[in-house]
């Protein structure tokens, strides 16, 4: 992977990655060709191959970009988590993010089934992305435990994993069903688990 040394180069590379993020999310990795990415990004094939060795190299860049896309809108709410209602607001936001008529799909989860079994580097990058996401949840949940809001008989990291698994499973079932009710049900159940025994009403 070539790192651009000029603003113009960085802009071209960013357009390629952004276009690939959108296309891989909408169509899937296998169904998207490099020519599709070139056309959607308004760049040339020579530019694409200047910055990326091959398609797996581009997919790796997309994984890193999708981690940022996933984390940025969640970072602030999770950093500011102080009350049970803050945790519920995070869950509500997660549901609303998939309520606009588009397929319910997690930007990271959508890549797992297509790339994780075929490339160790991609699987590692996805795992790092989910680990970062879980770590941010863990920090917020630790704060809730310290305030007596989240249950303390389980590690905050375990509770974060419960929420993350509920989200990913709920998104998958919502994609199949064509509506967000499964995601809402999964997150509500996970919230009950996280708050169980804390004395905070469900």
N, C-alpha and C. Protein backbone atom coordinates (compact mmCIF):
# COMPACT_ATOMS: atom_id res chain seq x y z
N UNK A 1 0.84 -1.18 0.00
CA UNK A 1 0.00 0.00 0.00
C UNK A 1 0.88 1.24 0.00
N UNK A 2 0.64 2.14 -0.96
CA UNK A 2 1.41 3.36 -1.07
C UNK A 2 0.70 4.48 -0.32
N UNK A 3 1.43 5.17 0.55
CA UNK A 3 0.86 6.29 1.28
C UNK A 3 1.05 7.57 0.48
N UNK A 4 -0.01 8.28 0.16
CA UNK A 4 0.12 9.51 -0.64
C UNK A 4 0.94 10.56 0.09
N UNK A 5 1.75 11.29 -0.65
CA UNK A 5 2.60 12.31 -0.05
C UNK A 5 2.09 13.72 -0.32
N UNK A 6 1.01 13.85 -1.10
CA UNK A 6 0.46 15.16 -1.42
C UNK A 6 -1.01 15.22 -1.04
N UNK A 7 -1.53 16.43 -0.90
CA UNK A 7 -2.96 16.59 -0.60
C UNK A 7 -3.81 16.00 -1.71
N UNK A 8 -3.39 16.20 -2.95
CA UNK A 8 -4.13 15.65 -4.09
C UNK A 8 -4.15 14.13 -4.04
N UNK A 9 -3.01 13.54 -3.72
CA UNK A 9 -2.94 12.10 -3.62
C UNK A 9 -3.80 11.57 -2.49
N UNK A 10 -3.75 12.24 -1.34
CA UNK A 10 -4.57 11.81 -0.21
C UNK A 10 -6.05 11.92 -0.53
N UNK A 11 -6.41 12.98 -1.27
CA UNK A 11 -7.81 13.14 -1.66
C UNK A 11 -8.25 12.03 -2.60
N UNK A 12 -7.40 11.67 -3.57
CA UNK A 12 -7.73 10.60 -4.52
C UNK A 12 -7.87 9.26 -3.80
N UNK A 13 -6.94 8.98 -2.90
CA UNK A 13 -7.02 7.72 -2.16
C UNK A 13 -8.27 7.68 -1.30
N UNK A 14 -8.59 8.80 -0.65
CA UNK A 14 -9.79 8.85 0.20
C UNK A 14 -11.05 8.62 -0.62
N UNK A 15 -11.11 9.18 -1.84
CA UNK A 15 -12.29 8.97 -2.70
C UNK A 15 -12.42 7.50 -3.07
N UNK A 16 -11.31 6.85 -3.32
CA UNK A 16 -11.34 5.43 -3.67
C UNK A 16 -11.85 4.62 -2.49
N UNK A 17 -11.32 4.89 -1.30
CA UNK A 17 -11.72 4.13 -0.12
C UNK A 17 -13.18 4.40 0.21
N UNK A 18 -13.61 5.66 0.14
CA UNK A 18 -15.01 6.00 0.44
C UNK A 18 -15.96 5.30 -0.52
N UNK A 19 -15.60 5.31 -1.81
CA UNK A 19 -16.45 4.63 -2.80
C UNK A 19 -16.51 3.14 -2.53
N UNK A 20 -15.36 2.55 -2.20
CA UNK A 20 -15.32 1.11 -1.92
C UNK A 20 -16.13 0.79 -0.67
N UNK A 21 -16.06 1.64 0.36
CA UNK A 21 -16.86 1.43 1.58
C UNK A 21 -18.34 1.35 1.22
N UNK A 22 -18.80 2.32 0.45
CA UNK A 22 -20.23 2.37 0.10
C UNK A 22 -20.64 1.17 -0.76
N UNK A 23 -19.81 0.83 -1.75
CA UNK A 23 -20.16 -0.26 -2.65
C UNK A 23 -20.11 -1.61 -1.94
N UNK A 24 -19.08 -1.83 -1.14
CA UNK A 24 -18.98 -3.10 -0.42
C UNK A 24 -20.14 -3.25 0.55
N UNK A 25 -20.56 -2.14 1.16
CA UNK A 25 -21.68 -2.17 2.10
C UNK A 25 -22.99 -2.47 1.37
N UNK A 26 -23.19 -1.82 0.22
CA UNK A 26 -24.46 -1.96 -0.51
C UNK A 26 -24.54 -3.26 -1.29
N UNK A 27 -23.45 -3.65 -1.94
CA UNK A 27 -23.48 -4.81 -2.84
C UNK A 27 -22.78 -6.04 -2.30
N UNK A 28 -21.80 -5.81 -1.42
CA UNK A 28 -20.95 -6.90 -0.98
C UNK A 28 -19.61 -6.84 -1.68
N UNK A 29 -18.60 -7.44 -1.08
CA UNK A 29 -17.25 -7.41 -1.63
C UNK A 29 -17.16 -8.21 -2.92
N UNK A 30 -17.70 -9.42 -2.91
CA UNK A 30 -17.58 -10.29 -4.08
C UNK A 30 -18.29 -9.71 -5.30
N UNK A 31 -19.39 -8.99 -5.08
CA UNK A 31 -20.18 -8.47 -6.20
C UNK A 31 -19.66 -7.13 -6.72
N UNK A 32 -18.64 -6.60 -6.09
CA UNK A 32 -18.10 -5.30 -6.48
C UNK A 32 -16.73 -5.49 -7.12
N UNK A 33 -16.59 -5.06 -8.36
CA UNK A 33 -15.31 -5.13 -9.06
C UNK A 33 -14.52 -3.85 -8.89
N UNK A 34 -13.25 -3.93 -9.16
CA UNK A 34 -12.41 -2.73 -9.06
C UNK A 34 -12.84 -1.66 -10.05
N UNK A 35 -13.35 -2.07 -11.21
CA UNK A 35 -13.85 -1.09 -12.17
C UNK A 35 -15.03 -0.32 -11.60
N UNK A 36 -15.86 -1.00 -10.79
CA UNK A 36 -16.98 -0.32 -10.13
C UNK A 36 -16.47 0.76 -9.17
N UNK A 37 -15.41 0.42 -8.45
CA UNK A 37 -14.84 1.38 -7.49
C UNK A 37 -14.24 2.56 -8.22
N UNK A 38 -13.53 2.29 -9.32
CA UNK A 38 -12.93 3.37 -10.11
C UNK A 38 -14.01 4.31 -10.63
N UNK A 39 -15.07 3.73 -11.17
CA UNK A 39 -16.15 4.55 -11.72
C UNK A 39 -16.83 5.38 -10.64
N UNK A 40 -17.13 4.77 -9.50
CA UNK A 40 -17.84 5.48 -8.44
C UNK A 40 -16.98 6.55 -7.79
N UNK A 41 -15.67 6.36 -7.77
CA UNK A 41 -14.77 7.31 -7.10
C UNK A 41 -14.33 8.45 -8.02
N UNK A 42 -14.58 8.29 -9.34
CA UNK A 42 -14.15 9.32 -10.28
C UNK A 42 -12.64 9.39 -10.43
N UNK A 43 -11.99 8.28 -10.18
CA UNK A 43 -10.53 8.22 -10.32
C UNK A 43 -10.19 7.30 -11.49
N UNK A 44 -8.91 7.03 -11.67
CA UNK A 44 -8.48 6.13 -12.74
C UNK A 44 -7.95 4.83 -12.18
N UNK A 45 -7.92 3.81 -13.00
CA UNK A 45 -7.44 2.51 -12.53
C UNK A 45 -5.96 2.58 -12.15
N UNK A 46 -5.23 3.45 -12.87
CA UNK A 46 -3.83 3.62 -12.53
C UNK A 46 -3.66 4.18 -11.12
N UNK A 47 -4.55 5.11 -10.76
CA UNK A 47 -4.49 5.66 -9.40
C UNK A 47 -4.80 4.60 -8.37
N UNK A 48 -5.81 3.77 -8.65
CA UNK A 48 -6.17 2.72 -7.70
C UNK A 48 -4.99 1.78 -7.47
N UNK A 49 -4.34 1.36 -8.56
CA UNK A 49 -3.22 0.43 -8.41
C UNK A 49 -1.96 1.12 -7.89
N UNK A 50 -1.94 2.44 -7.94
CA UNK A 50 -0.82 3.15 -7.34
C UNK A 50 -0.90 3.09 -5.81
N UNK A 51 -2.13 3.15 -5.30
CA UNK A 51 -2.32 3.17 -3.85
C UNK A 51 -2.62 1.81 -3.24
N UNK A 52 -3.09 0.87 -4.05
CA UNK A 52 -3.47 -0.45 -3.55
C UNK A 52 -2.91 -1.53 -4.47
N UNK A 53 -2.29 -2.52 -3.85
CA UNK A 53 -1.65 -3.57 -4.62
C UNK A 53 -2.66 -4.44 -5.36
N UNK A 54 -3.78 -4.74 -4.70
CA UNK A 54 -4.80 -5.60 -5.28
C UNK A 54 -6.10 -5.39 -4.51
N UNK A 55 -7.11 -6.19 -4.81
CA UNK A 55 -8.40 -6.02 -4.15
C UNK A 55 -8.32 -6.30 -2.65
N UNK A 56 -7.65 -7.38 -2.20
CA UNK A 56 -7.55 -7.58 -0.75
C UNK A 56 -6.90 -6.39 -0.03
N UNK A 57 -5.94 -5.74 -0.69
CA UNK A 57 -5.31 -4.57 -0.11
C UNK A 57 -6.32 -3.43 0.06
N UNK A 58 -7.19 -3.26 -0.94
CA UNK A 58 -8.25 -2.26 -0.85
C UNK A 58 -9.26 -2.64 0.23
N UNK A 59 -9.61 -3.91 0.30
CA UNK A 59 -10.56 -4.35 1.32
C UNK A 59 -10.01 -4.08 2.72
N UNK A 60 -8.71 -4.27 2.91
CA UNK A 60 -8.10 -3.99 4.20
C UNK A 60 -8.26 -2.51 4.56
N UNK A 61 -8.06 -1.64 3.58
CA UNK A 61 -8.24 -0.20 3.82
C UNK A 61 -9.70 0.10 4.16
N UNK A 62 -10.62 -0.61 3.51
CA UNK A 62 -12.04 -0.42 3.79
C UNK A 62 -12.37 -0.86 5.22
N UNK A 63 -11.78 -1.95 5.66
CA UNK A 63 -12.02 -2.41 7.04
C UNK A 63 -11.62 -1.32 8.02
N UNK A 64 -10.43 -0.75 7.83
CA UNK A 64 -9.97 0.30 8.74
C UNK A 64 -10.89 1.52 8.67
N UNK A 65 -11.33 1.87 7.46
CA UNK A 65 -12.22 3.02 7.30
C UNK A 65 -13.58 2.76 7.95
N UNK A 66 -14.08 1.54 7.81
CA UNK A 66 -15.38 1.23 8.39
C UNK A 66 -15.33 1.20 9.92
N UNK A 67 -14.19 0.86 10.47
CA UNK A 67 -14.03 0.96 11.92
C UNK A 67 -14.25 2.40 12.36
N UNK A 68 -13.63 3.33 11.63
CA UNK A 68 -13.79 4.75 11.96
C UNK A 68 -15.23 5.20 11.75
N UNK A 69 -15.84 4.78 10.66
CA UNK A 69 -17.24 5.14 10.40
C UNK A 69 -18.16 4.63 11.49
N UNK A 70 -17.86 3.46 12.01
CA UNK A 70 -18.70 2.86 13.05
C UNK A 70 -18.48 3.54 14.39
N UNK A 71 -17.22 3.86 14.71
CA UNK A 71 -16.88 4.36 16.02
C UNK A 71 -17.18 5.84 16.20
N UNK A 72 -16.96 6.64 15.18
CA UNK A 72 -17.06 8.09 15.36
C UNK A 72 -18.40 8.55 15.91
N UNK A 73 -19.55 8.10 15.35
CA UNK A 73 -20.82 8.58 15.91
C UNK A 73 -21.14 8.02 17.29
N UNK A 74 -20.45 6.95 17.70
CA UNK A 74 -20.74 6.33 19.00
C UNK A 74 -19.79 6.80 20.09
N UNK A 75 -18.61 7.31 19.70
CA UNK A 75 -17.57 7.61 20.68
C UNK A 75 -18.05 8.59 21.74
N UNK A 76 -18.63 9.71 21.31
CA UNK A 76 -19.04 10.74 22.25
C UNK A 76 -20.15 10.26 23.20
N UNK A 77 -21.25 9.65 22.69
CA UNK A 77 -22.28 9.17 23.61
C UNK A 77 -21.75 8.17 24.64
N UNK A 78 -20.86 7.29 24.20
CA UNK A 78 -20.33 6.29 25.13
C UNK A 78 -19.36 6.92 26.13
N UNK A 79 -18.57 7.90 25.67
CA UNK A 79 -17.66 8.59 26.57
C UNK A 79 -18.41 9.34 27.67
N UNK A 80 -19.61 9.81 27.34
CA UNK A 80 -20.39 10.63 28.26
C UNK A 80 -21.40 9.81 29.07
N UNK A 81 -21.35 8.50 28.96
CA UNK A 81 -22.33 7.66 29.63
C UNK A 81 -22.21 7.77 31.15
N UNK A 82 -23.32 8.20 31.78
CA UNK A 82 -23.34 8.36 33.23
C UNK A 82 -24.57 7.71 33.87
N UNK A 83 -25.63 7.49 33.12
CA UNK A 83 -26.90 7.02 33.66
C UNK A 83 -27.44 5.87 32.81
N UNK A 84 -28.40 5.14 33.37
CA UNK A 84 -29.03 4.05 32.63
C UNK A 84 -29.69 4.57 31.36
N UNK A 85 -30.26 5.77 31.45
CA UNK A 85 -30.91 6.35 30.27
C UNK A 85 -29.90 6.64 29.16
N UNK A 86 -28.65 6.89 29.51
CA UNK A 86 -27.62 7.10 28.49
C UNK A 86 -27.37 5.81 27.72
N UNK A 87 -27.39 4.70 28.44
CA UNK A 87 -27.20 3.41 27.79
C UNK A 87 -28.40 3.09 26.90
N UNK A 88 -29.59 3.40 27.39
CA UNK A 88 -30.79 3.19 26.57
C UNK A 88 -30.78 4.09 25.35
N UNK A 89 -30.27 5.31 25.51
CA UNK A 89 -30.19 6.23 24.38
C UNK A 89 -29.24 5.70 23.32
N UNK A 90 -28.14 5.07 23.76
CA UNK A 90 -27.21 4.44 22.80
C UNK A 90 -27.93 3.34 22.01
N UNK A 91 -28.71 2.52 22.72
CA UNK A 91 -29.45 1.45 22.04
C UNK A 91 -30.49 2.03 21.08
N UNK A 92 -31.17 3.09 21.50
CA UNK A 92 -32.15 3.72 20.62
C UNK A 92 -31.49 4.27 19.37
N UNK A 93 -30.34 4.88 19.55
CA UNK A 93 -29.60 5.43 18.41
C UNK A 93 -29.20 4.32 17.45
N UNK A 94 -28.80 3.17 18.00
CA UNK A 94 -28.41 2.05 17.16
C UNK A 94 -29.58 1.56 16.31
N UNK A 95 -30.77 1.54 16.89
CA UNK A 95 -31.95 1.11 16.15
C UNK A 95 -32.32 2.16 15.10
N UNK A 96 -32.31 3.42 15.49
CA UNK A 96 -32.69 4.49 14.56
C UNK A 96 -31.74 4.55 13.37
N UNK A 97 -30.49 4.20 13.58
CA UNK A 97 -29.51 4.23 12.50
C UNK A 97 -29.87 3.26 11.37
N UNK A 98 -30.71 2.28 11.69
CA UNK A 98 -31.11 1.28 10.69
C UNK A 98 -32.58 1.40 10.31
N UNK A 99 -33.17 2.55 10.61
CA UNK A 99 -34.61 2.71 10.39
C UNK A 99 -34.95 3.58 9.19
N UNK A 100 -33.98 3.83 8.33
CA UNK A 100 -34.23 4.74 7.21
C UNK A 100 -34.65 4.08 5.92
N UNK A 101 -35.05 2.81 5.99
CA UNK A 101 -35.49 2.13 4.77
C UNK A 101 -34.40 1.37 4.06
N UNK A 102 -33.13 1.59 4.45
CA UNK A 102 -32.02 0.86 3.86
C UNK A 102 -31.87 -0.49 4.56
N UNK A 103 -31.17 -1.45 3.93
CA UNK A 103 -30.97 -2.72 4.61
C UNK A 103 -30.27 -2.53 5.94
N UNK A 104 -30.75 -3.23 6.97
CA UNK A 104 -30.11 -3.17 8.28
C UNK A 104 -28.82 -3.97 8.21
N UNK A 105 -27.71 -3.27 8.27
CA UNK A 105 -26.44 -3.96 8.10
C UNK A 105 -25.37 -3.20 8.87
N UNK A 106 -24.55 -3.90 9.63
CA UNK A 106 -23.43 -3.27 10.32
C UNK A 106 -22.27 -3.16 9.34
N UNK A 107 -21.64 -1.98 9.23
CA UNK A 107 -20.52 -1.83 8.30
C UNK A 107 -19.40 -2.83 8.52
N UNK A 108 -19.15 -3.19 9.78
CA UNK A 108 -18.13 -4.20 10.07
C UNK A 108 -18.68 -5.60 9.90
N UNK A 109 -19.85 -5.84 10.47
CA UNK A 109 -20.43 -7.17 10.38
C UNK A 109 -20.68 -7.61 8.95
N UNK A 110 -20.99 -6.66 8.08
CA UNK A 110 -21.25 -7.00 6.68
C UNK A 110 -20.02 -7.56 5.99
N UNK A 111 -18.83 -7.26 6.52
CA UNK A 111 -17.60 -7.73 5.90
C UNK A 111 -17.16 -9.09 6.42
N UNK A 112 -17.66 -9.48 7.59
CA UNK A 112 -17.13 -10.68 8.24
C UNK A 112 -17.30 -11.93 7.39
N UNK A 113 -18.52 -12.19 6.94
CA UNK A 113 -18.77 -13.44 6.22
C UNK A 113 -18.05 -13.49 4.88
N UNK A 114 -17.72 -12.33 4.33
CA UNK A 114 -17.11 -12.31 3.00
C UNK A 114 -15.59 -12.39 3.02
N UNK A 115 -14.98 -11.84 4.06
CA UNK A 115 -13.52 -11.74 4.00
C UNK A 115 -12.78 -12.44 5.14
N UNK A 116 -13.43 -12.68 6.26
CA UNK A 116 -12.71 -13.15 7.44
C UNK A 116 -12.09 -14.52 7.25
N UNK A 117 -12.69 -15.36 6.41
CA UNK A 117 -12.18 -16.72 6.24
C UNK A 117 -11.13 -16.83 5.14
N UNK A 118 -10.85 -15.72 4.46
CA UNK A 118 -10.00 -15.81 3.28
C UNK A 118 -8.67 -15.08 3.42
N UNK A 119 -8.48 -14.33 4.47
CA UNK A 119 -7.29 -13.50 4.56
C UNK A 119 -7.02 -13.22 6.03
N UNK A 120 -5.90 -13.71 6.55
CA UNK A 120 -5.59 -13.54 7.97
C UNK A 120 -5.50 -12.07 8.36
N UNK A 121 -4.92 -11.25 7.49
CA UNK A 121 -4.79 -9.84 7.79
C UNK A 121 -6.13 -9.16 7.92
N UNK A 122 -7.09 -9.54 7.06
CA UNK A 122 -8.42 -8.96 7.11
C UNK A 122 -9.16 -9.41 8.37
N UNK A 123 -9.03 -10.69 8.70
CA UNK A 123 -9.68 -11.19 9.92
C UNK A 123 -9.11 -10.49 11.14
N UNK A 124 -7.80 -10.27 11.16
CA UNK A 124 -7.17 -9.59 12.29
C UNK A 124 -7.65 -8.15 12.38
N UNK A 125 -7.77 -7.47 11.24
CA UNK A 125 -8.23 -6.08 11.23
C UNK A 125 -9.67 -5.98 11.72
N UNK A 126 -10.51 -6.92 11.31
CA UNK A 126 -11.89 -6.93 11.79
C UNK A 126 -11.94 -7.18 13.29
N UNK A 127 -11.14 -8.12 13.77
CA UNK A 127 -11.11 -8.40 15.20
C UNK A 127 -10.65 -7.18 15.98
N UNK A 128 -9.65 -6.47 15.46
CA UNK A 128 -9.19 -5.25 16.11
C UNK A 128 -10.30 -4.20 16.16
N UNK A 129 -11.08 -4.11 15.07
CA UNK A 129 -12.18 -3.16 15.03
C UNK A 129 -13.23 -3.47 16.09
N UNK A 130 -13.62 -4.73 16.17
CA UNK A 130 -14.62 -5.12 17.18
C UNK A 130 -14.06 -4.96 18.60
N UNK A 131 -12.77 -5.24 18.76
CA UNK A 131 -12.14 -5.08 20.08
C UNK A 131 -12.14 -3.62 20.51
N UNK A 132 -11.85 -2.73 19.56
CA UNK A 132 -11.88 -1.30 19.87
C UNK A 132 -13.29 -0.86 20.27
N UNK A 133 -14.27 -1.35 19.55
CA UNK A 133 -15.67 -1.02 19.83
C UNK A 133 -16.04 -1.53 21.23
N UNK A 134 -15.67 -2.77 21.51
CA UNK A 134 -15.98 -3.35 22.82
C UNK A 134 -15.28 -2.57 23.94
N UNK A 135 -14.06 -2.11 23.68
CA UNK A 135 -13.30 -1.38 24.70
C UNK A 135 -13.98 -0.07 25.06
N UNK A 136 -14.53 0.62 24.06
CA UNK A 136 -15.23 1.87 24.33
C UNK A 136 -16.50 1.60 25.14
N UNK A 137 -17.22 0.54 24.79
CA UNK A 137 -18.39 0.15 25.58
C UNK A 137 -17.98 -0.20 27.01
N UNK A 138 -16.86 -0.89 27.15
CA UNK A 138 -16.39 -1.31 28.47
C UNK A 138 -16.12 -0.12 29.37
N UNK A 139 -15.52 0.92 28.81
CA UNK A 139 -15.22 2.12 29.61
C UNK A 139 -16.52 2.73 30.13
N UNK A 140 -17.51 2.85 29.26
CA UNK A 140 -18.79 3.41 29.70
C UNK A 140 -19.48 2.54 30.72
N UNK A 141 -19.44 1.22 30.52
CA UNK A 141 -20.09 0.32 31.46
C UNK A 141 -19.37 0.27 32.81
N UNK A 142 -18.05 0.40 32.78
CA UNK A 142 -17.30 0.47 34.04
C UNK A 142 -17.75 1.68 34.85
N UNK A 143 -17.97 2.79 34.18
CA UNK A 143 -18.45 3.99 34.86
C UNK A 143 -19.83 3.74 35.46
N UNK A 144 -20.69 3.04 34.72
CA UNK A 144 -22.03 2.73 35.25
C UNK A 144 -21.94 1.78 36.44
N UNK A 145 -21.01 0.84 36.40
CA UNK A 145 -20.83 -0.06 37.55
C UNK A 145 -20.39 0.71 38.78
N UNK A 146 -19.49 1.65 38.59
CA UNK A 146 -18.99 2.44 39.71
C UNK A 146 -20.09 3.30 40.34
N UNK A 147 -21.09 3.62 39.54
CA UNK A 147 -22.20 4.43 40.03
C UNK A 147 -23.36 3.56 40.51
N UNK A 148 -23.17 2.24 40.51
CA UNK A 148 -24.21 1.34 40.97
C UNK A 148 -25.36 1.17 39.99
N UNK A 149 -25.11 1.46 38.71
CA UNK A 149 -26.16 1.42 37.70
C UNK A 149 -26.14 0.11 36.91
N UNK A 150 -24.96 -0.36 36.56
CA UNK A 150 -24.83 -1.64 35.87
C UNK A 150 -24.46 -2.73 36.88
N UNK A 151 -24.82 -3.95 36.59
CA UNK A 151 -24.53 -5.06 37.48
C UNK A 151 -23.02 -5.20 37.66
N UNK A 152 -22.62 -5.64 38.83
CA UNK A 152 -21.20 -5.74 39.14
C UNK A 152 -20.72 -7.17 39.35
N UNK A 153 -21.63 -8.14 39.17
CA UNK A 153 -21.23 -9.53 39.34
C UNK A 153 -20.61 -10.10 38.06
N UNK A 154 -20.54 -9.30 37.02
CA UNK A 154 -19.86 -9.68 35.78
C UNK A 154 -18.90 -8.56 35.40
N UNK A 155 -17.81 -8.93 34.74
CA UNK A 155 -16.85 -7.92 34.29
C UNK A 155 -17.50 -7.00 33.26
N UNK A 156 -17.11 -5.74 33.30
CA UNK A 156 -17.65 -4.78 32.34
C UNK A 156 -17.37 -5.21 30.91
N UNK A 157 -16.22 -5.83 30.69
CA UNK A 157 -15.88 -6.30 29.34
C UNK A 157 -16.84 -7.38 28.87
N UNK A 158 -17.28 -8.24 29.80
CA UNK A 158 -18.26 -9.27 29.44
C UNK A 158 -19.60 -8.64 29.08
N UNK A 159 -20.00 -7.64 29.85
CA UNK A 159 -21.26 -6.96 29.57
C UNK A 159 -21.19 -6.24 28.22
N UNK A 160 -20.04 -5.66 27.92
CA UNK A 160 -19.86 -5.02 26.62
C UNK A 160 -19.99 -6.03 25.49
N UNK A 161 -19.45 -7.23 25.72
CA UNK A 161 -19.55 -8.28 24.70
C UNK A 161 -21.01 -8.70 24.50
N UNK A 162 -21.79 -8.75 25.59
CA UNK A 162 -23.22 -9.06 25.48
C UNK A 162 -23.92 -8.04 24.60
N UNK A 163 -23.66 -6.75 24.83
CA UNK A 163 -24.29 -5.70 24.03
C UNK A 163 -23.87 -5.78 22.57
N UNK A 164 -22.58 -6.01 22.36
CA UNK A 164 -22.07 -6.07 20.99
C UNK A 164 -22.65 -7.26 20.24
N UNK A 165 -22.73 -8.42 20.89
CA UNK A 165 -23.29 -9.60 20.25
C UNK A 165 -24.78 -9.42 19.98
N UNK A 166 -25.48 -8.78 20.93
CA UNK A 166 -26.91 -8.51 20.72
C UNK A 166 -27.10 -7.60 19.53
N UNK A 167 -26.26 -6.59 19.41
CA UNK A 167 -26.36 -5.67 18.28
C UNK A 167 -26.12 -6.40 16.96
N UNK A 168 -25.03 -7.14 16.88
CA UNK A 168 -24.68 -7.81 15.62
C UNK A 168 -25.73 -8.84 15.25
N UNK A 169 -26.19 -9.64 16.21
CA UNK A 169 -27.23 -10.62 15.91
C UNK A 169 -28.54 -9.97 15.55
N UNK A 170 -28.88 -8.88 16.26
CA UNK A 170 -30.12 -8.18 15.95
C UNK A 170 -30.10 -7.55 14.58
N UNK A 171 -28.96 -6.98 14.20
CA UNK A 171 -28.84 -6.39 12.85
C UNK A 171 -29.00 -7.47 11.78
N UNK A 172 -28.36 -8.62 12.01
CA UNK A 172 -28.45 -9.70 11.03
C UNK A 172 -29.90 -10.15 10.83
N UNK A 173 -30.62 -10.36 11.93
CA UNK A 173 -32.01 -10.79 11.82
C UNK A 173 -32.89 -9.69 11.25
N UNK A 174 -32.58 -8.44 11.55
CA UNK A 174 -33.35 -7.33 10.99
C UNK A 174 -33.16 -7.24 9.48
N UNK A 175 -31.96 -7.56 9.02
CA UNK A 175 -31.72 -7.57 7.57
C UNK A 175 -32.57 -8.66 6.91
N UNK A 176 -32.64 -9.81 7.55
CA UNK A 176 -33.43 -10.92 7.00
C UNK A 176 -34.92 -10.58 7.01
N UNK A 177 -35.39 -10.01 8.12
CA UNK A 177 -36.82 -9.74 8.28
C UNK A 177 -37.27 -8.48 7.55
N UNK A 178 -36.36 -7.57 7.28
CA UNK A 178 -36.73 -6.35 6.57
C UNK A 178 -37.26 -5.25 7.47
N UNK A 179 -37.09 -5.38 8.79
CA UNK A 179 -37.49 -4.33 9.73
C UNK A 179 -36.63 -4.45 10.98
N UNK A 180 -36.67 -3.43 11.83
CA UNK A 180 -35.72 -3.35 12.95
C UNK A 180 -36.25 -3.96 14.25
N UNK A 181 -37.41 -4.60 14.22
CA UNK A 181 -37.95 -5.19 15.45
C UNK A 181 -36.98 -6.20 16.09
N UNK A 182 -36.32 -7.09 15.32
CA UNK A 182 -35.38 -8.02 15.96
C UNK A 182 -34.22 -7.31 16.66
N UNK A 183 -33.74 -6.22 16.06
CA UNK A 183 -32.64 -5.47 16.68
C UNK A 183 -33.12 -4.85 17.98
N UNK A 184 -34.31 -4.26 17.97
CA UNK A 184 -34.86 -3.66 19.18
C UNK A 184 -35.02 -4.72 20.27
N UNK A 185 -35.55 -5.88 19.92
CA UNK A 185 -35.76 -6.96 20.90
C UNK A 185 -34.43 -7.42 21.48
N UNK A 186 -33.44 -7.61 20.63
CA UNK A 186 -32.13 -8.10 21.09
C UNK A 186 -31.46 -7.10 22.02
N UNK A 187 -31.51 -5.82 21.67
CA UNK A 187 -30.87 -4.81 22.51
C UNK A 187 -31.63 -4.63 23.83
N UNK A 188 -32.96 -4.68 23.79
CA UNK A 188 -33.74 -4.57 25.03
C UNK A 188 -33.39 -5.72 25.98
N UNK A 189 -33.27 -6.92 25.44
CA UNK A 189 -32.93 -8.08 26.27
C UNK A 189 -31.52 -7.93 26.84
N UNK A 190 -30.60 -7.42 26.02
CA UNK A 190 -29.23 -7.23 26.50
C UNK A 190 -29.17 -6.17 27.59
N UNK A 191 -29.97 -5.11 27.45
CA UNK A 191 -30.01 -4.07 28.48
C UNK A 191 -30.51 -4.64 29.80
N UNK A 192 -31.49 -5.53 29.74
CA UNK A 192 -31.98 -6.16 30.96
C UNK A 192 -30.87 -6.95 31.64
N UNK A 193 -30.06 -7.64 30.85
CA UNK A 193 -28.95 -8.41 31.40
C UNK A 193 -27.93 -7.48 32.05
N UNK A 194 -27.60 -6.40 31.37
CA UNK A 194 -26.57 -5.47 31.87
C UNK A 194 -27.03 -4.78 33.15
N UNK A 195 -28.30 -4.45 33.24
CA UNK A 195 -28.81 -3.71 34.39
C UNK A 195 -29.38 -4.61 35.49
N UNK A 196 -29.46 -5.92 35.23
CA UNK A 196 -30.03 -6.85 36.19
C UNK A 196 -29.28 -6.81 37.52
N UNK A 197 -30.05 -6.68 38.60
CA UNK A 197 -29.42 -6.70 39.92
C UNK A 197 -28.80 -5.39 40.33
N UNK A 198 -28.92 -4.37 39.49
CA UNK A 198 -28.30 -3.08 39.84
C UNK A 198 -29.23 -2.20 40.65
N UNK A 199 -30.52 -2.58 40.70
CA UNK A 199 -31.49 -1.74 41.40
C UNK A 199 -32.06 -0.65 40.54
N UNK A 200 -31.62 -0.60 39.28
CA UNK A 200 -32.15 0.39 38.35
C UNK A 200 -33.31 -0.21 37.59
N UNK A 201 -34.47 0.45 37.54
CA UNK A 201 -35.61 -0.11 36.81
C UNK A 201 -35.26 -0.40 35.36
N UNK A 202 -35.81 -1.51 34.83
CA UNK A 202 -35.54 -1.87 33.45
C UNK A 202 -36.32 -1.05 32.49
